[in-house]
Amino acid sequence: MERLMRLTDQVKPISYLNRENAQITKNLTESGEPIIITQNGEARLVASL
């Protein structure tokens, strides 16, 4: 259950990517967890390091 909760925290809309790209890079580097970018409610990109 904890893993599912963390995963849902990593789903962000494409507008978040446009606004917070520096923060996304920092989070990816520090946590190592992927981020899922959505467009119109559908997953479009999974980014990880």
Protein backbone atom coordinates (compact mmCIF):
# COMPACT_ATOMS: atom_id res chain seq x y z
CA MET A 1 0.00 0.00 0.00
CA GLU A 2 2.84 2.42 0.84
CA ARG A 3 4.38 1.88 -2.61
CA LEU A 4 1.03 2.70 -4.26
CA MET A 5 0.75 5.91 -2.23
CA ARG A 6 4.24 7.01 -3.27
CA LEU A 7 3.51 6.21 -6.91
CA THR A 8 0.36 8.34 -6.94
CA ASP A 9 2.43 11.23 -5.57
CA GLN A 10 4.65 10.95 -8.66
CA VAL A 11 1.83 11.47 -11.21
CA LYS A 12 1.83 15.07 -12.44
CA PRO A 13 0.11 16.96 -15.28
CA ILE A 14 2.17 18.31 -18.16
CA SER A 15 1.62 21.85 -16.89
CA TYR A 16 3.61 20.88 -13.76
CA LEU A 17 6.49 19.79 -15.99
CA ASN A 18 6.46 23.17 -17.72
CA ARG A 19 6.38 25.12 -14.44
CA GLU A 20 8.56 23.03 -12.15
CA ASN A 21 11.24 21.44 -14.34
CA ALA A 22 14.08 22.32 -11.93
CA GLN A 23 12.19 20.81 -8.99
CA ILE A 24 11.41 17.68 -11.01
CA THR A 25 15.10 17.24 -11.83
CA LYS A 26 16.02 17.68 -8.17
CA ASN A 27 13.39 15.16 -7.03
CA LEU A 28 14.46 12.60 -9.64
CA THR A 29 18.09 12.95 -8.59
CA GLU A 30 17.39 12.73 -4.86
CA SER A 31 14.69 10.06 -4.75
CA GLY A 32 15.47 7.97 -7.81
CA GLU A 33 11.73 7.35 -8.22
CA PRO A 34 10.18 7.88 -11.65
CA ILE A 35 7.68 10.62 -12.38
CA ILE A 36 4.68 10.09 -14.63
CA ILE A 37 3.58 13.04 -16.75
CA THR A 38 -0.03 13.09 -17.92
CA GLN A 39 -1.77 14.95 -20.72
CA ASN A 40 -5.56 15.10 -20.82
CA GLY A 41 -5.65 12.57 -17.97
CA GLU A 42 -3.56 9.94 -19.76
CA ALA A 43 0.04 8.98 -19.08
CA ARG A 44 2.31 10.39 -21.80
CA LEU A 45 5.80 10.23 -20.30
CA VAL A 46 7.63 8.30 -17.59
CA ALA A 47 10.88 9.97 -16.59
CA SER A 48 13.55 8.41 -14.41
CA LEU A 49 17.30 8.48 -13.91
